[in-house]
Amino acid sequence: MKKFTFKILWLENNVALAIDHVVDHGYSPLTSYFFWPRNDAWVQIKTELDSKPWISENDKIDLLNKATAIINYWQENGKEKSILKAQNKFPEFIFCGNN
């Protein structure tokens, strides 16, 4: 059973990542949205996760690796790829956006 999920705003000039805690069959926001490349979203996510001592190191590493994968995919393909293709690439996450 997964403990966390990403909410992703897939935009033309940015990608924004937020992490939700999965609670029963619902979601509880764990972080606000962090925008890439407007800000260094990866560092902001790491700082936010490090401030929550109840999250295990393995979960932190897993979340940071997933954030890296999302950011890299957006950097490589974001402007050419639709949100639909991003959803197919990362079906376990929640997407919204305008392209």
PDB file of N, CA and C in Angstrom:
ATOM      1  N   MET A   1       0.839  -1.182   0.000  1.00  0.00           N
ATOM      2  CA  MET A   1       0.000   0.000   0.000  1.00  0.00           C
ATOM      3  C   MET A   1       0.882   1.242   0.000  1.00  0.00           C
ATOM      4  N   LYS A   2       0.613   2.168  -0.926  1.00  0.00           N
ATOM      5  CA  LYS A   2       1.473   3.338  -1.003  1.00  0.00           C
ATOM      6  C   LYS A   2       1.111   4.343   0.083  1.00  0.00           C
ATOM      7  N   LYS A   3       2.153   5.034   0.552  1.00  0.00           N
ATOM      8  CA  LYS A   3       1.982   6.000   1.630  1.00  0.00           C
ATOM      9  C   LYS A   3       1.878   7.431   1.119  1.00  0.00           C
ATOM     10  N   PHE A   4       2.479   7.675  -0.057  1.00  0.00           N
ATOM     11  CA  PHE A   4       2.563   9.030  -0.577  1.00  0.00           C
ATOM     12  C   PHE A   4       2.271   9.029  -2.076  1.00  0.00           C
ATOM     13  N   THR A   5       1.835  10.175  -2.583  1.00  0.00           N
ATOM     14  CA  THR A   5       1.671  10.345  -4.014  1.00  0.00           C
ATOM     15  C   THR A   5       2.043  11.777  -4.373  1.00  0.00           C
ATOM     16  N   PHE A   6       2.344  11.977  -5.631  1.00  0.00           N
ATOM     17  CA  PHE A   6       2.621  13.325  -6.129  1.00  0.00           C
ATOM     18  C   PHE A   6       1.381  13.886  -6.810  1.00  0.00           C
ATOM     19  N   LYS A   7       1.162  15.173  -6.597  1.00  0.00           N
ATOM     20  CA  LYS A   7       0.215  15.936  -7.404  1.00  0.00           C
ATOM     21  C   LYS A   7       1.083  16.823  -8.286  1.00  0.00           C
ATOM     22  N   ILE A   8       0.815  16.801  -9.577  1.00  0.00           N
ATOM     23  CA  ILE A   8       1.693  17.463 -10.536  1.00  0.00           C
ATOM     24  C   ILE A   8       0.887  18.418 -11.404  1.00  0.00           C
ATOM     25  N   LEU A   9       1.348  19.675 -11.459  1.00  0.00           N
ATOM     26  CA  LEU A   9       0.806  20.646 -12.401  1.00  0.00           C
ATOM     27  C   LEU A   9       1.731  20.638 -13.606  1.00  0.00           C
ATOM     28  N   TRP A  10       1.243  20.166 -14.730  1.00  0.00           N
ATOM     29  CA  TRP A  10       2.029  20.021 -15.956  1.00  0.00           C
ATOM     30  C   TRP A  10       1.753  21.233 -16.827  1.00  0.00           C
ATOM     31  N   LEU A  11       2.649  22.189 -16.812  1.00  0.00           N
ATOM     32  CA  LEU A  11       2.456  23.457 -17.492  1.00  0.00           C
ATOM     33  C   LEU A  11       3.461  23.621 -18.613  1.00  0.00           C
ATOM     34  N   GLU A  12       3.215  24.571 -19.484  1.00  0.00           N
ATOM     35  CA  GLU A  12       4.096  24.775 -20.630  1.00  0.00           C
ATOM     36  C   GLU A  12       5.493  25.223 -20.219  1.00  0.00           C
ATOM     37  N   ASN A  13       5.592  26.135 -19.258  1.00  0.00           N
ATOM     38  CA  ASN A  13       6.887  26.697 -18.883  1.00  0.00           C
ATOM     39  C   ASN A  13       7.391  26.247 -17.522  1.00  0.00           C
ATOM     40  N   ASN A  14       6.607  25.455 -16.811  1.00  0.00           N
ATOM     41  CA  ASN A  14       6.980  24.974 -15.481  1.00  0.00           C
ATOM     42  C   ASN A  14       6.323  23.619 -15.237  1.00  0.00           C
ATOM     43  N   VAL A  15       6.897  22.918 -14.288  1.00  0.00           N
ATOM     44  CA  VAL A  15       6.212  21.762 -13.718  1.00  0.00           C
ATOM     45  C   VAL A  15       6.213  22.012 -12.213  1.00  0.00           C
ATOM     46  N   ALA A  16       5.098  21.733 -11.565  1.00  0.00           N
ATOM     47  CA  ALA A  16       5.000  21.940 -10.126  1.00  0.00           C
ATOM     48  C   ALA A  16       4.685  20.610  -9.458  1.00  0.00           C
ATOM     49  N   LEU A  17       5.376  20.355  -8.368  1.00  0.00           N
ATOM     50  CA  LEU A  17       5.223  19.096  -7.647  1.00  0.00           C
ATOM     51  C   LEU A  17       4.769  19.359  -6.219  1.00  0.00           C
ATOM     52  N   ALA A  18       3.814  18.600  -5.772  1.00  0.00           N
ATOM     53  CA  ALA A  18       3.390  18.595  -4.377  1.00  0.00           C
ATOM     54  C   ALA A  18       3.259  17.133  -3.962  1.00  0.00           C
ATOM     55  N   ILE A  19       3.461  16.880  -2.693  1.00  0.00           N
ATOM     56  CA  ILE A  19       3.353  15.509  -2.181  1.00  0.00           C
ATOM     57  C   ILE A  19       2.161  15.444  -1.236  1.00  0.00           C
ATOM     58  N   ASP A  20       1.345  14.420  -1.415  1.00  0.00           N
ATOM     59  CA  ASP A  20       0.229  14.144  -0.521  1.00  0.00           C
ATOM     60  C   ASP A  20       0.506  12.850   0.235  1.00  0.00           C
ATOM     61  N   HIS A  21       0.048  12.814   1.462  1.00  0.00           N
ATOM     62  CA  HIS A  21       0.093  11.608   2.276  1.00  0.00           C
ATOM     63  C   HIS A  21      -1.196  10.838   1.995  1.00  0.00           C
ATOM     64  N   VAL A  22      -1.079   9.575   1.658  1.00  0.00           N
ATOM     65  CA  VAL A  22      -2.251   8.745   1.390  1.00  0.00           C
ATOM     66  C   VAL A  22      -2.785   8.238   2.729  1.00  0.00           C
ATOM     67  N   VAL A  23      -4.032   8.594   3.014  1.00  0.00           N
ATOM     68  CA  VAL A  23      -4.667   8.223   4.273  1.00  0.00           C
ATOM     69  C   VAL A  23      -5.944   7.464   3.940  1.00  0.00           C
ATOM     70  N   ASP A  24      -5.985   6.199   4.329  1.00  0.00           N
ATOM     71  CA  ASP A  24      -7.089   5.329   3.959  1.00  0.00           C
ATOM     72  C   ASP A  24      -7.280   5.411   2.440  1.00  0.00           C
ATOM     73  N   HIS A  25      -8.423   5.923   1.984  1.00  0.00           N
ATOM     74  CA  HIS A  25      -8.662   6.037   0.551  1.00  0.00           C
ATOM     75  C   HIS A  25      -8.640   7.491   0.099  1.00  0.00           C
ATOM     76  N   GLY A  26      -8.088   8.372   0.936  1.00  0.00           N
ATOM     77  CA  GLY A  26      -8.042   9.786   0.609  1.00  0.00           C
ATOM     78  C   GLY A  26      -6.619  10.319   0.665  1.00  0.00           C
ATOM     79  N   TYR A  27      -6.502  11.618   0.534  1.00  0.00           N
ATOM     80  CA  TYR A  27      -5.202  12.274   0.498  1.00  0.00           C
ATOM     81  C   TYR A  27      -5.178  13.432   1.477  1.00  0.00           C
ATOM     82  N   SER A  28      -4.039  13.608   2.102  1.00  0.00           N
ATOM     83  CA  SER A  28      -3.812  14.740   2.987  1.00  0.00           C
ATOM     84  C   SER A  28      -2.573  15.468   2.475  1.00  0.00           C
ATOM     85  N   PRO A  29      -2.668  16.769   2.192  1.00  0.00           N
ATOM     86  CA  PRO A  29      -1.505  17.481   1.666  1.00  0.00           C
ATOM     87  C   PRO A  29      -0.319  17.421   2.633  1.00  0.00           C
ATOM     88  N   LEU A  30       0.831  17.063   2.112  1.00  0.00           N
ATOM     89  CA  LEU A  30       2.051  17.001   2.910  1.00  0.00           C
ATOM     90  C   LEU A  30       2.933  18.214   2.626  1.00  0.00           C
ATOM     91  N   THR A  31       2.945  18.667   1.366  1.00  0.00           N
ATOM     92  CA  THR A  31       3.730  19.838   0.991  1.00  0.00           C
ATOM     93  C   THR A  31       2.881  20.761   0.121  1.00  0.00           C
ATOM     94  N   SER A  32       3.351  21.971  -0.022  1.00  0.00           N
ATOM     95  CA  SER A  32       2.769  22.869  -1.005  1.00  0.00           C
ATOM     96  C   SER A  32       3.381  22.519  -2.359  1.00  0.00           C
ATOM     97  N   TYR A  33       2.976  23.238  -3.395  1.00  0.00           N
ATOM     98  CA  TYR A  33       3.557  23.014  -4.721  1.00  0.00           C
ATOM     99  C   TYR A  33       4.906  23.708  -4.825  1.00  0.00           C
ATOM    100  N   PHE A  34       5.857  23.005  -5.422  1.00  0.00           N
ATOM    101  CA  PHE A  34       7.182  23.559  -5.694  1.00  0.00           C
ATOM    102  C   PHE A  34       7.391  23.534  -7.202  1.00  0.00           C
ATOM    103  N   PHE A  35       7.788  24.673  -7.761  1.00  0.00           N
ATOM    104  CA  PHE A  35       7.872  24.851  -9.211  1.00  0.00           C
ATOM    105  C   PHE A  35       9.299  24.694  -9.722  1.00  0.00           C
ATOM    106  N   TRP A  36       9.423  23.975 -10.835  1.00  0.00           N
ATOM    107  CA  TRP A  36      10.676  23.821 -11.561  1.00  0.00           C
ATOM    108  C   TRP A  36      10.441  24.355 -12.968  1.00  0.00           C
ATOM    109  N   PRO A  37      11.285  25.093 -13.605  1.00  0.00           N
ATOM    110  CA  PRO A  37      12.594  25.591 -13.170  1.00  0.00           C
ATOM    111  C   PRO A  37      12.544  26.943 -12.473  1.00  0.00           C
ATOM    112  N   ARG A  38      11.353  27.461 -12.213  1.00  0.00           N
ATOM    113  CA  ARG A  38      11.240  28.763 -11.540  1.00  0.00           C
ATOM    114  C   ARG A  38      12.060  28.770 -10.249  1.00  0.00           C
ATOM    115  N   ASN A  39      11.985  27.693  -9.497  1.00  0.00           N
ATOM    116  CA  ASN A  39      12.762  27.509  -8.272  1.00  0.00           C
ATOM    117  C   ASN A  39      13.395  26.128  -8.338  1.00  0.00           C
ATOM    118  N   ASP A  40      14.270  25.835  -7.408  1.00  0.00           N
ATOM    119  CA  ASP A  40      14.862  24.496  -7.364  1.00  0.00           C
ATOM    120  C   ASP A  40      13.928  23.582  -6.565  1.00  0.00           C
ATOM    121  N   ALA A  41      12.932  23.061  -7.259  1.00  0.00           N
ATOM    122  CA  ALA A  41      11.892  22.260  -6.615  1.00  0.00           C
ATOM    123  C   ALA A  41      12.475  21.070  -5.861  1.00  0.00           C
ATOM    124  N   TRP A  42      13.514  20.441  -6.403  1.00  0.00           N
ATOM    125  CA  TRP A  42      14.087  19.264  -5.752  1.00  0.00           C
ATOM    126  C   TRP A  42      14.631  19.621  -4.375  1.00  0.00           C
ATOM    127  N   VAL A  43      15.380  20.720  -4.294  1.00  0.00           N
ATOM    128  CA  VAL A  43      15.948  21.156  -3.011  1.00  0.00           C
ATOM    129  C   VAL A  43      14.831  21.533  -2.047  1.00  0.00           C
ATOM    130  N   GLN A  44      13.806  22.202  -2.546  1.00  0.00           N
ATOM    131  CA  GLN A  44      12.688  22.584  -1.682  1.00  0.00           C
ATOM    132  C   GLN A  44      11.955  21.361  -1.149  1.00  0.00           C
ATOM    133  N   ILE A  45      11.774  20.354  -1.988  1.00  0.00           N
ATOM    134  CA  ILE A  45      11.131  19.115  -1.536  1.00  0.00           C
ATOM    135  C   ILE A  45      12.001  18.425  -0.492  1.00  0.00           C
ATOM    136  N   LYS A  46      13.296  18.346  -0.735  1.00  0.00           N
ATOM    137  CA  LYS A  46      14.214  17.715   0.225  1.00  0.00           C
ATOM    138  C   LYS A  46      14.150  18.424   1.573  1.00  0.00           C
ATOM    139  N   THR A  47      14.186  19.740   1.555  1.00  0.00           N
ATOM    140  CA  THR A  47      14.115  20.517   2.798  1.00  0.00           C
ATOM    141  C   THR A  47      12.806  20.239   3.528  1.00  0.00           C
ATOM    142  N   GLU A  48      11.728  20.209   2.795  1.00  0.00           N
ATOM    143  CA  GLU A  48      10.410  19.943   3.389  1.00  0.00           C
ATOM    144  C   GLU A  48      10.361  18.532   3.991  1.00  0.00           C
ATOM    145  N   LEU A  49      10.862  17.548   3.271  1.00  0.00           N
ATOM    146  CA  LEU A  49      10.859  16.171   3.784  1.00  0.00           C
ATOM    147  C   LEU A  49      11.755  16.037   5.012  1.00  0.00           C
ATOM    148  N   ASP A  50      12.919  16.719   4.977  1.00  0.00           N
ATOM    149  CA  ASP A  50      13.831  16.656   6.118  1.00  0.00           C
ATOM    150  C   ASP A  50      13.231  17.273   7.379  1.00  0.00           C
ATOM    151  N   SER A  51      12.249  18.153   7.211  1.00  0.00           N
ATOM    152  CA  SER A  51      11.609  18.779   8.376  1.00  0.00           C
ATOM    153  C   SER A  51      10.542  17.879   8.999  1.00  0.00           C
ATOM    154  N   LYS A  52      10.325  16.719   8.412  1.00  0.00           N
ATOM    155  CA  LYS A  52       9.304  15.789   8.901  1.00  0.00           C
ATOM    156  C   LYS A  52       9.993  14.494   9.353  1.00  0.00           C
ATOM    157  N   PRO A  53      10.418  14.463  10.623  1.00  0.00           N
ATOM    158  CA  PRO A  53      11.198  13.314  11.105  1.00  0.00           C
ATOM    159  C   PRO A  53      10.440  11.990  11.099  1.00  0.00           C
ATOM    160  N   TRP A  54       9.130  12.022  10.989  1.00  0.00           N
ATOM    161  CA  TRP A  54       8.345  10.787  10.993  1.00  0.00           C
ATOM    162  C   TRP A  54       8.385  10.068   9.642  1.00  0.00           C
ATOM    163  N   ILE A  55       8.907  10.729   8.611  1.00  0.00           N
ATOM    164  CA  ILE A  55       9.044  10.071   7.306  1.00  0.00           C
ATOM    165  C   ILE A  55      10.374   9.327   7.295  1.00  0.00           C
ATOM    166  N   SER A  56      10.344   8.048   6.958  1.00  0.00           N
ATOM    167  CA  SER A  56      11.563   7.236   6.985  1.00  0.00           C
ATOM    168  C   SER A  56      12.551   7.698   5.912  1.00  0.00           C
ATOM    169  N   GLU A  57      13.818   7.409   6.129  1.00  0.00           N
ATOM    170  CA  GLU A  57      14.848   7.762   5.146  1.00  0.00           C
ATOM    171  C   GLU A  57      14.584   7.077   3.810  1.00  0.00           C
ATOM    172  N   ASN A  58      14.139   5.834   3.846  1.00  0.00           N
ATOM    173  CA  ASN A  58      13.827   5.124   2.597  1.00  0.00           C
ATOM    174  C   ASN A  58      12.703   5.815   1.826  1.00  0.00           C
ATOM    175  N   ASP A  59      11.676   6.261   2.545  1.00  0.00           N
ATOM    176  CA  ASP A  59      10.584   6.979   1.881  1.00  0.00           C
ATOM    177  C   ASP A  59      11.075   8.309   1.314  1.00  0.00           C
ATOM    178  N   LYS A  60      11.919   9.021   2.054  1.00  0.00           N
ATOM    179  CA  LYS A  60      12.466  10.288   1.568  1.00  0.00           C
ATOM    180  C   LYS A  60      13.256  10.065   0.276  1.00  0.00           C
ATOM    181  N   ILE A  61      14.114   9.050   0.279  1.00  0.00           N
ATOM    182  CA  ILE A  61      14.925   8.743  -0.910  1.00  0.00           C
ATOM    183  C   ILE A  61      14.024   8.387  -2.091  1.00  0.00           C
ATOM    184  N   ASP A  62      13.021   7.560  -1.823  1.00  0.00           N
ATOM    185  CA  ASP A  62      12.088   7.167  -2.883  1.00  0.00           C
ATOM    186  C   ASP A  62      11.364   8.390  -3.453  1.00  0.00           C
ATOM    187  N   LEU A  63      10.886   9.272  -2.601  1.00  0.00           N
ATOM    188  CA  LEU A  63      10.175  10.465  -3.061  1.00  0.00           C
ATOM    189  C   LEU A  63      11.101  11.395  -3.847  1.00  0.00           C
ATOM    190  N   LEU A  64      12.330  11.556  -3.378  1.00  0.00           N
ATOM    191  CA  LEU A  64      13.275  12.412  -4.099  1.00  0.00           C
ATOM    192  C   LEU A  64      13.649  11.811  -5.455  1.00  0.00           C
ATOM    193  N   ASN A  65      13.782  10.501  -5.510  1.00  0.00           N
ATOM    194  CA  ASN A  65      14.054   9.848  -6.801  1.00  0.00           C
ATOM    195  C   ASN A  65      12.888  10.039  -7.770  1.00  0.00           C
ATOM    196  N   LYS A  66      11.676   9.943  -7.265  1.00  0.00           N
ATOM    197  CA  LYS A  66      10.501  10.151  -8.119  1.00  0.00           C
ATOM    198  C   LYS A  66      10.418  11.604  -8.574  1.00  0.00           C
ATOM    199  N   ALA A  67      10.725  12.533  -7.673  1.00  0.00           N
ATOM    200  CA  ALA A  67      10.744  13.952  -8.053  1.00  0.00           C
ATOM    201  C   ALA A  67      11.766  14.184  -9.163  1.00  0.00           C
ATOM    202  N   THR A  68      12.930  13.564  -9.048  1.00  0.00           N
ATOM    203  CA  THR A  68      13.977  13.673 -10.071  1.00  0.00           C
ATOM    204  C   THR A  68      13.460  13.144 -11.405  1.00  0.00           C
ATOM    205  N   ALA A  69      12.797  11.999 -11.377  1.00  0.00           N
ATOM    206  CA  ALA A  69      12.283  11.401 -12.610  1.00  0.00           C
ATOM    207  C   ALA A  69      11.250  12.313 -13.277  1.00  0.00           C
ATOM    208  N   ILE A  70      10.382  12.901 -12.488  1.00  0.00           N
ATOM    209  CA  ILE A  70       9.355  13.792 -13.039  1.00  0.00           C
ATOM    210  C   ILE A  70      10.006  15.042 -13.639  1.00  0.00           C
ATOM    211  N   ILE A  71      10.913  15.655 -12.891  1.00  0.00           N
ATOM    212  CA  ILE A  71      11.588  16.869 -13.364  1.00  0.00           C
ATOM    213  C   ILE A  71      12.377  16.580 -14.631  1.00  0.00           C
ATOM    214  N   ASN A  72      13.115  15.474 -14.646  1.00  0.00           N
ATOM    215  CA  ASN A  72      13.897  15.123 -15.836  1.00  0.00           C
ATOM    216  C   ASN A  72      13.003  14.885 -17.042  1.00  0.00           C
ATOM    217  N   TYR A  73      11.893  14.199 -16.837  1.00  0.00           N
ATOM    218  CA  TYR A  73      10.971  13.940 -17.946  1.00  0.00           C
ATOM    219  C   TYR A  73      10.413  15.255 -18.481  1.00  0.00           C
ATOM    220  N   TRP A  74      10.036  16.153 -17.591  1.00  0.00           N
ATOM    221  CA  TRP A  74       9.511  17.447 -18.031  1.00  0.00           C
ATOM    222  C   TRP A  74      10.590  18.230 -18.789  1.00  0.00           C
ATOM    223  N   GLN A  75      11.815  18.230 -18.267  1.00  0.00           N
ATOM    224  CA  GLN A  75      12.908  18.960 -18.929  1.00  0.00           C
ATOM    225  C   GLN A  75      13.167  18.421 -20.326  1.00  0.00           C
ATOM    226  N   GLU A  76      13.140  17.105 -20.454  1.00  0.00           N
ATOM    227  CA  GLU A  76      13.449  16.478 -21.738  1.00  0.00           C
ATOM    228  C   GLU A  76      12.272  16.532 -22.703  1.00  0.00           C
ATOM    229  N   ASN A  77      11.063  16.442 -22.178  1.00  0.00           N
ATOM    230  CA  ASN A  77       9.900  16.258 -23.040  1.00  0.00           C
ATOM    231  C   ASN A  77       8.727  17.178 -22.760  1.00  0.00           C
ATOM    232  N   GLY A  78       8.802  17.965 -21.716  1.00  0.00           N
ATOM    233  CA  GLY A  78       7.639  18.696 -21.235  1.00  0.00           C
ATOM    234  C   GLY A  78       6.954  19.572 -22.258  1.00  0.00           C
ATOM    235  N   LYS A  79       7.734  20.323 -23.013  1.00  0.00           N
ATOM    236  CA  LYS A  79       7.116  21.249 -23.956  1.00  0.00           C
ATOM    237  C   LYS A  79       6.538  20.527 -25.166  1.00  0.00           C
ATOM    238  N   GLU A  80       7.060  19.348 -25.466  1.00  0.00           N
ATOM    239  CA  GLU A  80       6.570  18.598 -26.622  1.00  0.00           C
ATOM    240  C   GLU A  80       5.534  17.552 -26.232  1.00  0.00           C
ATOM    241  N   LYS A  81       5.518  17.152 -24.986  1.00  0.00           N
ATOM    242  CA  LYS A  81       4.633  16.077 -24.547  1.00  0.00           C
ATOM    243  C   LYS A  81       3.385  16.625 -23.884  1.00  0.00           C
ATOM    244  N   SER A  82       2.281  16.030 -24.187  1.00  0.00           N
ATOM    245  CA  SER A  82       1.026  16.433 -23.573  1.00  0.00           C
ATOM    246  C   SER A  82       0.944  15.878 -22.157  1.00  0.00           C
ATOM    247  N   ILE A  83       0.024  16.432 -21.410  1.00  0.00           N
ATOM    248  CA  ILE A  83      -0.217  15.937 -20.063  1.00  0.00           C
ATOM    249  C   ILE A  83      -0.657  14.477 -20.112  1.00  0.00           C
ATOM    250  N   LEU A  84      -1.353  14.091 -21.185  1.00  0.00           N
ATOM    251  CA  LEU A  84      -1.790  12.706 -21.342  1.00  0.00           C
ATOM    252  C   LEU A  84      -0.607  11.749 -21.403  1.00  0.00           C
ATOM    253  N   LYS A  85       0.433  12.131 -22.147  1.00  0.00           N
ATOM    254  CA  LYS A  85       1.632  11.290 -22.232  1.00  0.00           C
ATOM    255  C   LYS A  85       2.350  11.236 -20.896  1.00  0.00           C
ATOM    256  N   ALA A  86       2.371  12.348 -20.183  1.00  0.00           N
ATOM    257  CA  ALA A  86       2.995  12.359 -18.850  1.00  0.00           C
ATOM    258  C   ALA A  86       2.216  11.443 -17.901  1.00  0.00           C
ATOM    259  N   GLN A  87       0.899  11.483 -17.977  1.00  0.00           N
ATOM    260  CA  GLN A  87       0.082  10.599 -17.138  1.00  0.00           C
ATOM    261  C   GLN A  87       0.345   9.133 -17.460  1.00  0.00           C
ATOM    262  N   ASN A  88       0.539   8.827 -18.726  1.00  0.00           N
ATOM    263  CA  ASN A  88       0.855   7.451 -19.112  1.00  0.00           C
ATOM    264  C   ASN A  88       2.218   7.026 -18.600  1.00  0.00           C
ATOM    265  N   LYS A  89       3.157   7.950 -18.569  1.00  0.00           N
ATOM    266  CA  LYS A  89       4.514   7.660 -18.079  1.00  0.00           C
ATOM    267  C   LYS A  89       4.519   7.454 -16.563  1.00  0.00           C
ATOM    268  N   PHE A  90       3.701   8.241 -15.848  1.00  0.00           N
ATOM    269  CA  PHE A  90       3.648   8.184 -14.383  1.00  0.00           C
ATOM    270  C   PHE A  90       2.201   7.970 -13.926  1.00  0.00           C
ATOM    271  N   PRO A  91       1.635   6.800 -14.180  1.00  0.00           N
ATOM    272  CA  PRO A  91       0.206   6.586 -13.902  1.00  0.00           C
ATOM    273  C   PRO A  91      -0.152   6.604 -12.417  1.00  0.00           C
ATOM    274  N   GLU A  92       0.829   6.478 -11.551  1.00  0.00           N
ATOM    275  CA  GLU A  92       0.541   6.431 -10.116  1.00  0.00           C
ATOM    276  C   GLU A  92       0.365   7.818  -9.503  1.00  0.00           C
ATOM    277  N   PHE A  93       0.574   8.891 -10.288  1.00  0.00           N
ATOM    278  CA  PHE A  93       0.487  10.242  -9.780  1.00  0.00           C
ATOM    279  C   PHE A  93      -0.758  10.962 -10.289  1.00  0.00           C
ATOM    280  N   ILE A  94      -1.100  12.068  -9.636  1.00  0.00           N
ATOM    281  CA  ILE A  94      -2.264  12.864  -9.985  1.00  0.00           C
ATOM    282  C   ILE A  94      -1.794  14.067 -10.788  1.00  0.00           C
ATOM    283  N   PHE A  95      -2.320  14.226 -11.996  1.00  0.00           N
ATOM    284  CA  PHE A  95      -1.898  15.299 -12.894  1.00  0.00           C
ATOM    285  C   PHE A  95      -3.034  16.270 -13.142  1.00  0.00           C
ATOM    286  N   CYS A  96      -2.655  17.529 -13.323  1.00  0.00           N
ATOM    287  CA  CYS A  96      -3.539  18.518 -13.920  1.00  0.00           C
ATOM    288  C   CYS A  96      -2.653  19.522 -14.646  1.00  0.00           C
ATOM    289  N   GLY A  97      -3.220  20.231 -15.587  1.00  0.00           N
ATOM    290  CA  GLY A  97      -2.415  21.164 -16.352  1.00  0.00           C
ATOM    291  C   GLY A  97      -3.183  21.695 -17.531  1.00  0.00           C
ATOM    292  N   ASN A  98      -2.443  22.365 -18.413  1.00  0.00           N
ATOM    293  CA  ASN A  98      -3.125  23.035 -19.517  1.00  0.00           C
ATOM    294  C   ASN A  98      -2.543  22.746 -20.887  1.00  0.00           C
ATOM    295  N   ASN A  99      -1.805  21.633 -21.038  1.00  0.00           N
ATOM    296  CA  ASN A  99      -1.307  21.349 -22.389  1.00  0.00           C
ATOM    297  C   ASN A  99      -1.650  19.940 -22.813  1.00  0.00           C
TER     298      ASN A  99
END
